[in-house]
Amino acid sequence: MPKFAANLSMMFTEAPFIERFGAAAQAGFAAVEFLFPYEQDIGDIATKLRRYLPHVGHIQIAGVPDRHEPDTGELDYAYLFRLLDELGYAGWVGCEYRPAAGTVAGLGWMRNAVTRG
């Protein structure tokens, strides 16, 4: 049987965004996802990871706010990757970004993350 995740950007829209998580759980969903997380006021990412990581099965990354390589923008992904290691996260990290100048040319961030880890 497939495992289904509710996309909260499209489902349960009759409720405010933060309430959609509970609504999805009550409807029987054990996992959720959503588009455009930067539109949501989710506050301190490191604190949220510490608190909610046991309930996370997949993480997606992109530079904020332009959705280019994750070594651009306002998030310190090197710190967040170290935190994920410290917290024992063994799941996948999805690279959901638009390369600024070609995919292979923009993979330096990943090589740096691997060599520092």
PDB file of N, CA and C in Angstrom:
ATOM      1  N   MET A   1       0.847  -1.185   0.000  1.00  0.00           N
ATOM      2  CA  MET A   1       0.000   0.000   0.000  1.00  0.00           C
ATOM      3  C   MET A   1       0.883   1.235   0.000  1.00  0.00           C
ATOM      4  N   PRO A   2       0.637   2.195  -0.885  1.00  0.00           N
ATOM      5  CA  PRO A   2       1.433   3.417  -0.895  1.00  0.00           C
ATOM      6  C   PRO A   2       1.203   4.234   0.370  1.00  0.00           C
ATOM      7  N   LYS A   3       2.203   5.026   0.734  1.00  0.00           N
ATOM      8  CA  LYS A   3       2.070   5.970   1.847  1.00  0.00           C
ATOM      9  C   LYS A   3       1.747   7.333   1.232  1.00  0.00           C
ATOM     10  N   PHE A   4       0.710   7.973   1.727  1.00  0.00           N
ATOM     11  CA  PHE A   4       0.257   9.242   1.171  1.00  0.00           C
ATOM     12  C   PHE A   4       0.598  10.400   2.111  1.00  0.00           C
ATOM     13  N   ALA A   5       1.052  11.503   1.529  1.00  0.00           N
ATOM     14  CA  ALA A   5       1.320  12.736   2.261  1.00  0.00           C
ATOM     15  C   ALA A   5       0.388  13.811   1.725  1.00  0.00           C
ATOM     16  N   ALA A   6      -0.227  14.548   2.617  1.00  0.00           N
ATOM     17  CA  ALA A   6      -1.119  15.640   2.221  1.00  0.00           C
ATOM     18  C   ALA A   6      -0.287  16.874   1.899  1.00  0.00           C
ATOM     19  N   ASN A   7      -0.536  17.495   0.744  1.00  0.00           N
ATOM     20  CA  ASN A   7       0.130  18.743   0.406  1.00  0.00           C
ATOM     21  C   ASN A   7      -0.718  19.880   0.981  1.00  0.00           C
ATOM     22  N   LEU A   8      -0.214  20.498   2.031  1.00  0.00           N
ATOM     23  CA  LEU A   8      -0.992  21.502   2.754  1.00  0.00           C
ATOM     24  C   LEU A   8      -1.121  22.827   2.025  1.00  0.00           C
ATOM     25  N   SER A   9      -0.412  22.988   0.918  1.00  0.00           N
ATOM     26  CA  SER A   9      -0.616  24.186   0.103  1.00  0.00           C
ATOM     27  C   SER A   9      -1.903  24.082  -0.695  1.00  0.00           C
ATOM     28  N   MET A  10      -2.328  22.843  -0.924  1.00  0.00           N
ATOM     29  CA  MET A  10      -3.491  22.618  -1.774  1.00  0.00           C
ATOM     30  C   MET A  10      -4.673  21.983  -1.036  1.00  0.00           C
ATOM     31  N   MET A  11      -4.378  21.293   0.041  1.00  0.00           N
ATOM     32  CA  MET A  11      -5.437  20.597   0.777  1.00  0.00           C
ATOM     33  C   MET A  11      -5.671  21.286   2.124  1.00  0.00           C
ATOM     34  N   PHE A  12      -6.851  21.135   2.659  1.00  0.00           N
ATOM     35  CA  PHE A  12      -7.240  21.702   3.947  1.00  0.00           C
ATOM     36  C   PHE A  12      -7.152  23.225   3.945  1.00  0.00           C
ATOM     37  N   THR A  13      -7.356  23.828   2.787  1.00  0.00           N
ATOM     38  CA  THR A  13      -7.229  25.279   2.665  1.00  0.00           C
ATOM     39  C   THR A  13      -8.363  26.035   3.346  1.00  0.00           C
ATOM     40  N   GLU A  14      -9.359  25.303   3.795  1.00  0.00           N
ATOM     41  CA  GLU A  14     -10.432  25.955   4.545  1.00  0.00           C
ATOM     42  C   GLU A  14      -9.975  26.343   5.956  1.00  0.00           C
ATOM     43  N   ALA A  15      -8.790  25.879   6.348  1.00  0.00           N
ATOM     44  CA  ALA A  15      -8.232  26.196   7.663  1.00  0.00           C
ATOM     45  C   ALA A  15      -6.996  27.081   7.484  1.00  0.00           C
ATOM     46  N   PRO A  16      -6.680  27.907   8.501  1.00  0.00           N
ATOM     47  CA  PRO A  16      -5.413  28.654   8.446  1.00  0.00           C
ATOM     48  C   PRO A  16      -4.245  27.667   8.323  1.00  0.00           C
ATOM     49  N   PHE A  17      -3.152  28.120   7.720  1.00  0.00           N
ATOM     50  CA  PHE A  17      -2.058  27.207   7.393  1.00  0.00           C
ATOM     51  C   PHE A  17      -1.602  26.375   8.588  1.00  0.00           C
ATOM     52  N   ILE A  18      -1.342  26.990   9.702  1.00  0.00           N
ATOM     53  CA  ILE A  18      -0.789  26.258  10.840  1.00  0.00           C
ATOM     54  C   ILE A  18      -1.752  25.189  11.355  1.00  0.00           C
ATOM     55  N   GLU A  19      -3.038  25.377  11.160  1.00  0.00           N
ATOM     56  CA  GLU A  19      -4.038  24.405  11.605  1.00  0.00           C
ATOM     57  C   GLU A  19      -4.179  23.226  10.640  1.00  0.00           C
ATOM     58  N   ARG A  20      -3.640  23.348   9.452  1.00  0.00           N
ATOM     59  CA  ARG A  20      -3.755  22.280   8.456  1.00  0.00           C
ATOM     60  C   ARG A  20      -3.001  21.027   8.867  1.00  0.00           C
ATOM     61  N   PHE A  21      -1.929  21.179   9.629  1.00  0.00           N
ATOM     62  CA  PHE A  21      -1.162  20.019  10.081  1.00  0.00           C
ATOM     63  C   PHE A  21      -2.042  19.104  10.924  1.00  0.00           C
ATOM     64  N   GLY A  22      -2.742  19.689  11.897  1.00  0.00           N
ATOM     65  CA  GLY A  22      -3.641  18.908  12.742  1.00  0.00           C
ATOM     66  C   GLY A  22      -4.804  18.339  11.956  1.00  0.00           C
ATOM     67  N   ALA A  23      -5.333  19.122  11.017  1.00  0.00           N
ATOM     68  CA  ALA A  23      -6.451  18.641  10.201  1.00  0.00           C
ATOM     69  C   ALA A  23      -6.027  17.442   9.364  1.00  0.00           C
ATOM     70  N   ALA A  24      -4.817  17.489   8.814  1.00  0.00           N
ATOM     71  CA  ALA A  24      -4.320  16.361   8.025  1.00  0.00           C
ATOM     72  C   ALA A  24      -4.144  15.128   8.898  1.00  0.00           C
ATOM     73  N   ALA A  25      -3.611  15.323  10.088  1.00  0.00           N
ATOM     74  CA  ALA A  25      -3.436  14.184  11.010  1.00  0.00           C
ATOM     75  C   ALA A  25      -4.786  13.584  11.377  1.00  0.00           C
ATOM     76  N   GLN A  26      -5.774  14.425  11.665  1.00  0.00           N
ATOM     77  CA  GLN A  26      -7.109  13.923  12.004  1.00  0.00           C
ATOM     78  C   GLN A  26      -7.747  13.182  10.846  1.00  0.00           C
ATOM     79  N   ALA A  27      -7.390  13.552   9.625  1.00  0.00           N
ATOM     80  CA  ALA A  27      -7.948  12.882   8.445  1.00  0.00           C
ATOM     81  C   ALA A  27      -7.200  11.596   8.109  1.00  0.00           C
ATOM     82  N   GLY A  28      -6.164  11.280   8.876  1.00  0.00           N
ATOM     83  CA  GLY A  28      -5.461  10.024   8.673  1.00  0.00           C
ATOM     84  C   GLY A  28      -4.114  10.116   7.978  1.00  0.00           C
ATOM     85  N   PHE A  29      -3.645  11.317   7.682  1.00  0.00           N
ATOM     86  CA  PHE A  29      -2.336  11.471   7.051  1.00  0.00           C
ATOM     87  C   PHE A  29      -1.243  11.423   8.115  1.00  0.00           C
ATOM     88  N   ALA A  30      -0.219  10.623   7.872  1.00  0.00           N
ATOM     89  CA  ALA A  30       0.920  10.544   8.786  1.00  0.00           C
ATOM     90  C   ALA A  30       2.061  11.436   8.316  1.00  0.00           C
ATOM     91  N   ALA A  31       1.942  12.014   7.134  1.00  0.00           N
ATOM     92  CA  ALA A  31       2.984  12.885   6.590  1.00  0.00           C
ATOM     93  C   ALA A  31       2.329  14.023   5.814  1.00  0.00           C
ATOM     94  N   VAL A  32       3.037  15.147   5.773  1.00  0.00           N
ATOM     95  CA  VAL A  32       2.565  16.306   5.018  1.00  0.00           C
ATOM     96  C   VAL A  32       3.729  16.910   4.250  1.00  0.00           C
ATOM     97  N   GLU A  33       3.396  17.721   3.270  1.00  0.00           N
ATOM     98  CA  GLU A  33       4.366  18.526   2.545  1.00  0.00           C
ATOM     99  C   GLU A  33       3.661  19.801   2.166  1.00  0.00           C
ATOM    100  N   PHE A  34       4.427  20.816   1.764  1.00  0.00           N
ATOM    101  CA  PHE A  34       3.799  22.043   1.300  1.00  0.00           C
ATOM    102  C   PHE A  34       4.750  22.790   0.397  1.00  0.00           C
ATOM    103  N   LEU A  35       4.168  23.533  -0.520  1.00  0.00           N
ATOM    104  CA  LEU A  35       4.925  24.349  -1.455  1.00  0.00           C
ATOM    105  C   LEU A  35       5.244  25.691  -0.819  1.00  0.00           C
ATOM    106  N   PHE A  36       6.286  26.304  -1.286  1.00  0.00           N
ATOM    107  CA  PHE A  36       6.608  27.669  -0.921  1.00  0.00           C
ATOM    108  C   PHE A  36       6.619  27.909   0.586  1.00  0.00           C
ATOM    109  N   PRO A  37       7.476  27.189   1.310  1.00  0.00           N
ATOM    110  CA  PRO A  37       7.493  27.347   2.765  1.00  0.00           C
ATOM    111  C   PRO A  37       7.903  28.743   3.203  1.00  0.00           C
ATOM    112  N   TYR A  38       8.539  29.511   2.300  1.00  0.00           N
ATOM    113  CA  TYR A  38       8.999  30.837   2.682  1.00  0.00           C
ATOM    114  C   TYR A  38       7.850  31.815   2.810  1.00  0.00           C
ATOM    115  N   GLU A  39       6.677  31.436   2.337  1.00  0.00           N
ATOM    116  CA  GLU A  39       5.507  32.290   2.507  1.00  0.00           C
ATOM    117  C   GLU A  39       4.925  32.149   3.905  1.00  0.00           C
ATOM    118  N   GLN A  40       5.370  31.151   4.649  1.00  0.00           N
ATOM    119  CA  GLN A  40       4.832  30.892   5.971  1.00  0.00           C
ATOM    120  C   GLN A  40       5.773  31.470   7.026  1.00  0.00           C
ATOM    121  N   ASP A  41       5.210  32.018   8.083  1.00  0.00           N
ATOM    122  CA  ASP A  41       6.015  32.549   9.175  1.00  0.00           C
ATOM    123  C   ASP A  41       6.355  31.394  10.102  1.00  0.00           C
ATOM    124  N   ILE A  42       7.508  30.739   9.842  1.00  0.00           N
ATOM    125  CA  ILE A  42       7.831  29.541  10.600  1.00  0.00           C
ATOM    126  C   ILE A  42       8.912  29.748  11.631  1.00  0.00           C
ATOM    127  N   GLY A  43       9.383  31.090  11.587  1.00  0.00           N
ATOM    128  CA  GLY A  43      10.288  31.457  12.686  1.00  0.00           C
ATOM    129  C   GLY A  43      11.658  30.812  12.601  1.00  0.00           C
ATOM    130  N   ASP A  44      12.374  30.502  13.783  1.00  0.00           N
ATOM    131  CA  ASP A  44      13.723  29.983  13.954  1.00  0.00           C
ATOM    132  C   ASP A  44      13.820  28.546  13.454  1.00  0.00           C
ATOM    133  N   ILE A  45      14.548  28.301  12.339  1.00  0.00           N
ATOM    134  CA  ILE A  45      14.616  26.981  11.706  1.00  0.00           C
ATOM    135  C   ILE A  45      15.332  25.963  12.583  1.00  0.00           C
ATOM    136  N   ALA A  46      16.449  26.342  13.219  1.00  0.00           N
ATOM    137  CA  ALA A  46      17.195  25.395  14.057  1.00  0.00           C
ATOM    138  C   ALA A  46      16.333  24.900  15.217  1.00  0.00           C
ATOM    139  N   THR A  47      15.603  25.800  15.850  1.00  0.00           N
ATOM    140  CA  THR A  47      14.724  25.404  16.951  1.00  0.00           C
ATOM    141  C   THR A  47      13.629  24.472  16.458  1.00  0.00           C
ATOM    142  N   LYS A  48      13.075  24.790  15.296  1.00  0.00           N
ATOM    143  CA  LYS A  48      12.024  23.932  14.732  1.00  0.00           C
ATOM    144  C   LYS A  48      12.574  22.546  14.394  1.00  0.00           C
ATOM    145  N   LEU A  49      13.796  22.487  13.851  1.00  0.00           N
ATOM    146  CA  LEU A  49      14.394  21.179  13.550  1.00  0.00           C
ATOM    147  C   LEU A  49      14.571  20.364  14.827  1.00  0.00           C
ATOM    148  N   ARG A  50      15.085  20.993  15.864  1.00  0.00           N
ATOM    149  CA  ARG A  50      15.262  20.266  17.139  1.00  0.00           C
ATOM    150  C   ARG A  50      13.930  19.734  17.666  1.00  0.00           C
ATOM    151  N   ARG A  51      12.901  20.521  17.502  1.00  0.00           N
ATOM    152  CA  ARG A  51      11.595  20.151  18.062  1.00  0.00           C
ATOM    153  C   ARG A  51      10.850  19.116  17.205  1.00  0.00           C
ATOM    154  N   TYR A  52      10.880  19.296  15.888  1.00  0.00           N
ATOM    155  CA  TYR A  52      10.017  18.498  15.025  1.00  0.00           C
ATOM    156  C   TYR A  52      10.724  17.415  14.220  1.00  0.00           C
ATOM    157  N   LEU A  53      12.047  17.341  14.269  1.00  0.00           N
ATOM    158  CA  LEU A  53      12.756  16.392  13.425  1.00  0.00           C
ATOM    159  C   LEU A  53      12.301  14.943  13.599  1.00  0.00           C
ATOM    160  N   PRO A  54      11.911  14.515  14.804  1.00  0.00           N
ATOM    161  CA  PRO A  54      11.424  13.129  14.915  1.00  0.00           C
ATOM    162  C   PRO A  54      10.201  12.837  14.044  1.00  0.00           C
ATOM    163  N   HIS A  55       9.522  13.872  13.598  1.00  0.00           N
ATOM    164  CA  HIS A  55       8.322  13.706  12.775  1.00  0.00           C
ATOM    165  C   HIS A  55       8.583  13.977  11.293  1.00  0.00           C
ATOM    166  N   VAL A  56       9.837  14.245  10.940  1.00  0.00           N
ATOM    167  CA  VAL A  56      10.200  14.620   9.574  1.00  0.00           C
ATOM    168  C   VAL A  56      10.786  13.417   8.853  1.00  0.00           C
ATOM    169  N   GLY A  57      10.286  13.154   7.648  1.00  0.00           N
ATOM    170  CA  GLY A  57      10.802  12.051   6.857  1.00  0.00           C
ATOM    171  C   GLY A  57      11.572  12.503   5.629  1.00  0.00           C
ATOM    172  N   HIS A  58      11.509  13.792   5.317  1.00  0.00           N
ATOM    173  CA  HIS A  58      12.161  14.305   4.115  1.00  0.00           C
ATOM    174  C   HIS A  58      12.329  15.809   4.265  1.00  0.00           C
ATOM    175  N   ILE A  59      13.480  16.305   3.880  1.00  0.00           N
ATOM    176  CA  ILE A  59      13.766  17.743   3.941  1.00  0.00           C
ATOM    177  C   ILE A  59      14.109  18.218   2.540  1.00  0.00           C
ATOM    178  N   GLN A  60      13.621  19.395   2.192  1.00  0.00           N
ATOM    179  CA  GLN A  60      13.943  19.998   0.899  1.00  0.00           C
ATOM    180  C   GLN A  60      14.678  21.306   1.147  1.00  0.00           C
ATOM    181  N   ILE A  61      15.679  21.585   0.310  1.00  0.00           N
ATOM    182  CA  ILE A  61      16.489  22.785   0.500  1.00  0.00           C
ATOM    183  C   ILE A  61      16.552  23.622  -0.771  1.00  0.00           C
ATOM    184  N   ALA A  62      16.766  24.905  -0.582  1.00  0.00           N
ATOM    185  CA  ALA A  62      16.983  25.861  -1.665  1.00  0.00           C
ATOM    186  C   ALA A  62      17.473  27.148  -1.034  1.00  0.00           C
ATOM    187  N   GLY A  63      18.177  27.950  -1.807  1.00  0.00           N
ATOM    188  CA  GLY A  63      18.581  29.260  -1.326  1.00  0.00           C
ATOM    189  C   GLY A  63      17.360  30.133  -1.106  1.00  0.00           C
ATOM    190  N   VAL A  64      17.397  30.925  -0.064  1.00  0.00           N
ATOM    191  CA  VAL A  64      16.284  31.798   0.280  1.00  0.00           C
ATOM    192  C   VAL A  64      16.719  33.236   0.026  1.00  0.00           C
ATOM    193  N   PRO A  65      15.998  34.021  -0.736  1.00  0.00           N
ATOM    194  CA  PRO A  65      14.649  33.821  -1.217  1.00  0.00           C
ATOM    195  C   PRO A  65      14.557  33.401  -2.691  1.00  0.00           C
ATOM    196  N   ASP A  66      15.647  33.320  -3.425  1.00  0.00           N
ATOM    197  CA  ASP A  66      15.551  33.129  -4.876  1.00  0.00           C
ATOM    198  C   ASP A  66      15.479  31.685  -5.358  1.00  0.00           C
ATOM    199  N   ARG A  67      15.550  30.722  -4.450  1.00  0.00           N
ATOM    200  CA  ARG A  67      15.465  29.286  -4.775  1.00  0.00           C
ATOM    201  C   ARG A  67      16.592  28.826  -5.699  1.00  0.00           C
ATOM    202  N   HIS A  68      17.782  29.435  -5.545  1.00  0.00           N
ATOM    203  CA  HIS A  68      18.960  28.952  -6.258  1.00  0.00           C
ATOM    204  C   HIS A  68      19.725  28.018  -5.321  1.00  0.00           C
ATOM    205  N   GLU A  69      21.000  27.778  -5.602  1.00  0.00           N
ATOM    206  CA  GLU A  69      21.807  26.882  -4.786  1.00  0.00           C
ATOM    207  C   GLU A  69      21.693  27.259  -3.307  1.00  0.00           C
ATOM    208  N   PRO A  70      21.735  26.263  -2.430  1.00  0.00           N
ATOM    209  CA  PRO A  70      21.529  26.546  -1.009  1.00  0.00           C
ATOM    210  C   PRO A  70      22.697  27.255  -0.321  1.00  0.00           C
ATOM    211  N   ASP A  71      23.755  27.566  -1.040  1.00  0.00           N
ATOM    212  CA  ASP A  71      24.820  28.354  -0.412  1.00  0.00           C
ATOM    213  C   ASP A  71      24.650  29.842  -0.708  1.00  0.00           C
ATOM    214  N   THR A  72      23.495  30.215  -1.243  1.00  0.00           N
ATOM    215  CA  THR A  72      23.173  31.616  -1.483  1.00  0.00           C
ATOM    216  C   THR A  72      21.977  31.993  -0.630  1.00  0.00           C
ATOM    217  N   GLY A  73      21.861  33.227  -0.305  1.00  0.00           N
ATOM    218  CA  GLY A  73      20.680  33.682   0.427  1.00  0.00           C
ATOM    219  C   GLY A  73      20.930  33.801   1.910  1.00  0.00           C
ATOM    220  N   GLU A  74      19.840  33.836   2.647  1.00  0.00           N
ATOM    221  CA  GLU A  74      19.903  34.207   4.060  1.00  0.00           C
ATOM    222  C   GLU A  74      20.020  33.051   5.039  1.00  0.00           C
ATOM    223  N   LEU A  75      19.981  31.807   4.598  1.00  0.00           N
ATOM    224  CA  LEU A  75      20.107  30.667   5.516  1.00  0.00           C
ATOM    225  C   LEU A  75      21.536  30.147   5.543  1.00  0.00           C
ATOM    226  N   ASP A  76      22.010  29.799   6.723  1.00  0.00           N
ATOM    227  CA  ASP A  76      23.343  29.216   6.893  1.00  0.00           C
ATOM    228  C   ASP A  76      23.206  27.698   6.823  1.00  0.00           C
ATOM    229  N   TYR A  77      23.208  27.177   5.606  1.00  0.00           N
ATOM    230  CA  TYR A  77      23.013  25.740   5.428  1.00  0.00           C
ATOM    231  C   TYR A  77      24.161  24.916   5.993  1.00  0.00           C
ATOM    232  N   ALA A  78      25.386  25.430   6.000  1.00  0.00           N
ATOM    233  CA  ALA A  78      26.492  24.676   6.603  1.00  0.00           C
ATOM    234  C   ALA A  78      26.157  24.374   8.065  1.00  0.00           C
ATOM    235  N   TYR A  79      25.656  25.376   8.773  1.00  0.00           N
ATOM    236  CA  TYR A  79      25.233  25.181  10.164  1.00  0.00           C
ATOM    237  C   TYR A  79      24.072  24.196  10.261  1.00  0.00           C
ATOM    238  N   LEU A  80      23.090  24.358   9.388  1.00  0.00           N
ATOM    239  CA  LEU A  80      21.921  23.480   9.445  1.00  0.00           C
ATOM    240  C   LEU A  80      22.280  22.038   9.104  1.00  0.00           C
ATOM    241  N   PHE A  81      23.206  21.816   8.156  1.00  0.00           N
ATOM    242  CA  PHE A  81      23.645  20.455   7.840  1.00  0.00           C
ATOM    243  C   PHE A  81      24.352  19.829   9.044  1.00  0.00           C
ATOM    244  N   ARG A  82      25.204  20.608   9.727  1.00  0.00           N
ATOM    245  CA  ARG A  82      25.862  20.095  10.948  1.00  0.00           C
ATOM    246  C   ARG A  82      24.825  19.754  12.011  1.00  0.00           C
ATOM    247  N   LEU A  83      23.817  20.603  12.144  1.00  0.00           N
ATOM    248  CA  LEU A  83      22.755  20.350  13.115  1.00  0.00           C
ATOM    249  C   LEU A  83      22.012  19.062  12.781  1.00  0.00           C
ATOM    250  N   LEU A  84      21.700  18.858  11.518  1.00  0.00           N
ATOM    251  CA  LEU A  84      21.025  17.617  11.114  1.00  0.00           C
ATOM    252  C   LEU A  84      21.874  16.402  11.488  1.00  0.00           C
ATOM    253  N   ASP A  85      23.191  16.496  11.291  1.00  0.00           N
ATOM    254  CA  ASP A  85      24.083  15.402  11.696  1.00  0.00           C
ATOM    255  C   ASP A  85      24.039  15.195  13.206  1.00  0.00           C
ATOM    256  N   GLU A  86      24.129  16.285  13.970  1.00  0.00           N
ATOM    257  CA  GLU A  86      24.083  16.198  15.431  1.00  0.00           C
ATOM    258  C   GLU A  86      22.792  15.565  15.919  1.00  0.00           C
ATOM    259  N   LEU A  87      21.702  15.864  15.236  1.00  0.00           N
ATOM    260  CA  LEU A  87      20.389  15.337  15.631  1.00  0.00           C
ATOM    261  C   LEU A  87      20.147  13.927  15.114  1.00  0.00           C
ATOM    262  N   GLY A  88      21.079  13.407  14.321  1.00  0.00           N
ATOM    263  CA  GLY A  88      20.960  12.036  13.832  1.00  0.00           C
ATOM    264  C   GLY A  88      20.010  11.861  12.671  1.00  0.00           C
ATOM    265  N   TYR A  89      19.755  12.910  11.917  1.00  0.00           N
ATOM    266  CA  TYR A  89      18.854  12.793  10.771  1.00  0.00           C
ATOM    267  C   TYR A  89      19.485  11.900   9.717  1.00  0.00           C
ATOM    268  N   ALA A  90      18.763  10.843   9.337  1.00  0.00           N
ATOM    269  CA  ALA A  90      19.279   9.886   8.355  1.00  0.00           C
ATOM    270  C   ALA A  90      18.452   9.885   7.067  1.00  0.00           C
ATOM    271  N   GLY A  91      17.502  10.791   6.978  1.00  0.00           N
ATOM    272  CA  GLY A  91      16.640  10.845   5.798  1.00  0.00           C
ATOM    273  C   GLY A  91      17.295  11.569   4.641  1.00  0.00           C
ATOM    274  N   TRP A  92      16.556  11.670   3.577  1.00  0.00           N
ATOM    275  CA  TRP A  92      17.023  12.338   2.364  1.00  0.00           C
ATOM    276  C   TRP A  92      16.878  13.837   2.492  1.00  0.00           C
ATOM    277  N   VAL A  93      17.760  14.565   1.841  1.00  0.00           N
ATOM    278  CA  VAL A  93      17.663  16.016   1.712  1.00  0.00           C
ATOM    279  C   VAL A  93      17.461  16.298   0.230  1.00  0.00           C
ATOM    280  N   GLY A  94      16.266  16.721  -0.123  1.00  0.00           N
ATOM    281  CA  GLY A  94      15.936  16.985  -1.521  1.00  0.00           C
ATOM    282  C   GLY A  94      16.452  18.338  -1.967  1.00  0.00           C
ATOM    283  N   CYS A  95      17.153  18.347  -3.074  1.00  0.00           N
ATOM    284  CA  CYS A  95      17.701  19.587  -3.631  1.00  0.00           C
ATOM    285  C   CYS A  95      16.655  20.195  -4.555  1.00  0.00           C
ATOM    286  N   GLU A  96      15.796  21.007  -3.992  1.00  0.00           N
ATOM    287  CA  GLU A  96      14.670  21.577  -4.735  1.00  0.00           C
ATOM    288  C   GLU A  96      14.948  23.041  -5.051  1.00  0.00           C
ATOM    289  N   TYR A  97      15.917  23.226  -5.923  1.00  0.00           N
ATOM    290  CA  TYR A  97      16.286  24.590  -6.292  1.00  0.00           C
ATOM    291  C   TYR A  97      16.529  24.688  -7.787  1.00  0.00           C
ATOM    292  N   ARG A  98      16.524  25.918  -8.268  1.00  0.00           N
ATOM    293  CA  ARG A  98      16.808  26.193  -9.680  1.00  0.00           C
ATOM    294  C   ARG A  98      18.259  26.644  -9.792  1.00  0.00           C
ATOM    295  N   PRO A  99      19.128  25.848 -10.434  1.00  0.00           N
ATOM    296  CA  PRO A  99      20.527  26.244 -10.564  1.00  0.00           C
ATOM    297  C   PRO A  99      20.659  27.605 -11.243  1.00  0.00           C
ATOM    298  N   ALA A 100      21.506  28.435 -10.677  1.00  0.00           N
ATOM    299  CA  ALA A 100      21.678  29.792 -11.200  1.00  0.00           C
ATOM    300  C   ALA A 100      22.446  29.808 -12.520  1.00  0.00           C
ATOM    301  N   ALA A 101      23.423  28.885 -12.680  1.00  0.00           N
ATOM    302  CA  ALA A 101      24.261  28.911 -13.882  1.00  0.00           C
ATOM    303  C   ALA A 101      24.552  27.509 -14.389  1.00  0.00           C
ATOM    304  N   GLY A 102      23.607  26.611 -14.282  1.00  0.00           N
ATOM    305  CA  GLY A 102      23.809  25.233 -14.712  1.00  0.00           C
ATOM    306  C   GLY A 102      23.990  24.310 -13.515  1.00  0.00           C
ATOM    307  N   THR A 103      23.453  23.121 -13.623  1.00  0.00           N
ATOM    308  CA  THR A 103      23.445  22.195 -12.494  1.00  0.00           C
ATOM    309  C   THR A 103      24.845  21.823 -12.031  1.00  0.00           C
ATOM    310  N   VAL A 104      25.668  21.272 -12.910  1.00  0.00           N
ATOM    311  CA  VAL A 104      26.996  20.801 -12.509  1.00  0.00           C
ATOM    312  C   VAL A 104      27.858  21.965 -12.019  1.00  0.00           C
ATOM    313  N   ALA A 105      27.777  23.102 -12.696  1.00  0.00           N
ATOM    314  CA  ALA A 105      28.563  24.272 -12.299  1.00  0.00           C
ATOM    315  C   ALA A 105      28.206  24.748 -10.900  1.00  0.00           C
ATOM    316  N   GLY A 106      26.983  24.505 -10.488  1.00  0.00           N
ATOM    317  CA  GLY A 106      26.528  24.985  -9.187  1.00  0.00           C
ATOM    318  C   GLY A 106      26.625  23.989  -8.053  1.00  0.00           C
ATOM    319  N   LEU A 107      27.272  22.851  -8.252  1.00  0.00           N
ATOM    320  CA  LEU A 107      27.318  21.818  -7.205  1.00  0.00           C
ATOM    321  C   LEU A 107      28.455  21.992  -6.202  1.00  0.00           C
ATOM    322  N   GLY A 108      29.192  23.079  -6.274  1.00  0.00           N
ATOM    323  CA  GLY A 108      30.258  23.316  -5.308  1.00  0.00           C
ATOM    324  C   GLY A 108      29.760  23.314  -3.877  1.00  0.00           C
ATOM    325  N   TRP A 109      28.567  23.828  -3.636  1.00  0.00           N
ATOM    326  CA  TRP A 109      28.011  23.852  -2.284  1.00  0.00           C
ATOM    327  C   TRP A 109      27.930  22.441  -1.711  1.00  0.00           C
ATOM    328  N   MET A 110      27.557  21.447  -2.558  1.00  0.00           N
ATOM    329  CA  MET A 110      27.392  20.072  -2.084  1.00  0.00           C
ATOM    330  C   MET A 110      28.752  19.452  -1.778  1.00  0.00           C
ATOM    331  N   ARG A 111      29.739  19.673  -2.647  1.00  0.00           N
ATOM    332  CA  ARG A 111      31.089  19.157  -2.385  1.00  0.00           C
ATOM    333  C   ARG A 111      31.627  19.737  -1.085  1.00  0.00           C
ATOM    334  N   ASN A 112      31.419  21.033  -0.849  1.00  0.00           N
ATOM    335  CA  ASN A 112      31.861  21.661   0.393  1.00  0.00           C
ATOM    336  C   ASN A 112      31.157  21.078   1.608  1.00  0.00           C
ATOM    337  N   ALA A 113      29.868  20.819   1.491  1.00  0.00           N
ATOM    338  CA  ALA A 113      29.103  20.248   2.617  1.00  0.00           C
ATOM    339  C   ALA A 113      29.610  18.857   2.958  1.00  0.00           C
ATOM    340  N   VAL A 114      29.941  18.062   1.946  1.00  0.00           N
ATOM    341  CA  VAL A 114      30.419  16.695   2.162  1.00  0.00           C
ATOM    342  C   VAL A 114      31.801  16.706   2.794  1.00  0.00           C
ATOM    343  N   THR A 115      32.695  17.561   2.331  1.00  0.00           N
ATOM    344  CA  THR A 115      34.056  17.569   2.855  1.00  0.00           C
ATOM    345  C   THR A 115      34.131  18.138   4.254  1.00  0.00           C
ATOM    346  N   ARG A 116      33.200  19.013   4.621  1.00  0.00           N
ATOM    347  CA  ARG A 116      33.176  19.573   5.982  1.00  0.00           C
ATOM    348  C   ARG A 116      32.528  18.630   6.974  1.00  0.00           C
ATOM    349  N   GLY A 117      31.676  17.735   6.474  1.00  0.00           N
ATOM    350  CA  GLY A 117      30.902  16.856   7.360  1.00  0.00           C
ATOM    351  C   GLY A 117      31.670  15.754   7.884  1.00  0.00           C
TER     352      GLY A 117
END
